Protein backbone atom coordinates (compact mmCIF):
# COMPACT_ATOMS: atom_id res chain seq x y z
CA MET A 1 -54.87 19.28 -15.14
CA LEU A 2 -51.60 19.46 -15.86
CA PRO A 3 -49.06 16.38 -16.25
CA SER A 4 -46.65 18.26 -14.31
CA PHE A 5 -49.43 18.38 -11.01
CA PRO A 6 -50.99 14.60 -11.10
CA ALA A 7 -53.82 13.93 -9.14
CA SER A 8 -52.59 12.58 -5.78
CA GLU A 9 -54.82 9.77 -3.38
CA PHE A 10 -53.58 9.06 0.22
CA GLU A 11 -54.54 7.55 3.48
CA LEU A 12 -55.09 9.11 6.88
CA THR A 13 -54.11 7.23 9.46
CA TYR A 14 -53.78 7.43 13.78
CA ALA A 15 -51.33 5.54 15.80
CA GLY A 16 -49.34 6.54 18.79
CA GLY A 17 -51.10 9.59 19.17
CA LYS A 18 -50.21 10.87 16.13
CA TRP A 19 -52.14 11.49 12.44
CA ASP A 20 -50.28 10.72 9.43
CA ALA A 21 -50.61 11.22 5.88
CA GLY A 22 -47.75 9.90 4.32
CA LEU A 23 -45.50 13.11 4.22
CA VAL A 24 -42.51 12.39 1.72
CA PRO A 25 -39.69 14.68 1.27
CA PRO A 26 -39.17 16.57 -1.98
CA LYS A 27 -36.06 15.01 -2.23
CA GLU A 28 -37.70 11.29 -2.08
CA GLY A 29 -40.02 12.04 -4.66
CA GLY A 30 -43.05 14.04 -2.55
CA GLY A 31 -44.22 17.03 -4.11
CA TRP A 32 -47.21 19.61 -4.22
CA GLU A 33 -49.69 17.48 -2.23
CA ASN A 34 -47.52 17.88 0.94
CA TYR A 35 -49.31 21.02 1.15
CA VAL A 36 -52.64 19.81 1.08
CA LYS A 37 -51.09 17.07 3.74
CA VAL A 38 -49.79 19.53 6.18
CA ALA A 39 -53.09 21.35 6.10
CA ILE A 40 -55.04 18.33 6.57
CA LEU A 41 -53.10 17.60 9.48
CA GLU A 42 -52.62 20.64 11.03
CA CYS A 43 -56.64 20.84 10.91
CA LEU A 44 -56.73 16.79 12.36
CA ALA A 45 -54.11 17.78 15.21
CA ASN A 46 -56.52 20.72 16.46
CA PHE A 47 -60.05 19.03 16.17
CA PHE A 48 -59.60 15.89 16.61
CA PRO A 49 -56.09 15.36 18.95
CA ALA A 50 -57.10 11.89 20.63
CA GLY A 51 -57.73 10.24 17.45
CA PRO A 52 -61.10 9.58 14.92
CA THR A 53 -64.41 8.93 17.49
CA ASP A 54 -67.77 8.25 16.53
CA LYS A 55 -68.17 11.75 15.54
CA GLY A 56 -65.46 12.48 13.09
CA PRO A 57 -63.43 12.35 10.42
CA VAL A 58 -65.34 10.52 8.04
CA GLY A 59 -63.34 11.09 4.73
CA LEU A 60 -63.00 13.82 2.28
CA ASP A 61 -62.61 14.35 -1.48
CA LEU A 62 -60.72 17.49 -2.25
CA LEU A 63 -60.13 19.04 -5.66
CA VAL A 64 -57.52 22.06 -5.31
CA SER A 65 -57.39 24.43 -8.44
CA GLY A 66 -55.80 27.60 -9.29
CA THR A 67 -55.25 29.87 -12.33
CA VAL A 68 -51.25 30.78 -11.32
CA PRO A 69 -49.66 29.02 -14.03
CA PRO A 70 -46.58 27.22 -13.92
CA GLY A 71 -43.14 29.20 -14.37
CA ALA A 72 -45.23 32.27 -12.85
CA GLY A 73 -42.76 32.89 -10.09
CA LEU A 74 -45.13 32.23 -7.44
CA SER A 75 -44.49 29.03 -5.39
CA VAL A 76 -46.52 26.34 -4.65
CA SER A 77 -46.79 27.38 -1.05
CA ALA A 78 -47.84 30.84 -1.89
CA ALA A 79 -50.11 30.18 -4.49
CA LEU A 80 -52.20 28.09 -2.29
CA SER A 81 -52.27 30.42 0.72
CA LEU A 82 -54.00 33.14 -1.90
CA ILE A 83 -57.37 31.07 -2.08
């Protein structure tokens, strides 16, 4: 793990008919984890549009890894989409 890409933890919540993962705008300190949060939120909106049920979702431990070195000229979003 590189210091410039620290581990991230976040809670998923459902309120007011909408899933939330606590997205933080880049100007306010948000980083690479927003790409993962958006992907998870899209999945939840599609598969669990009415919110949590007794059939899921139950939790997730996720590891994002890659071999694109920092400064290689590839953005985080492009690097993640190569996976």
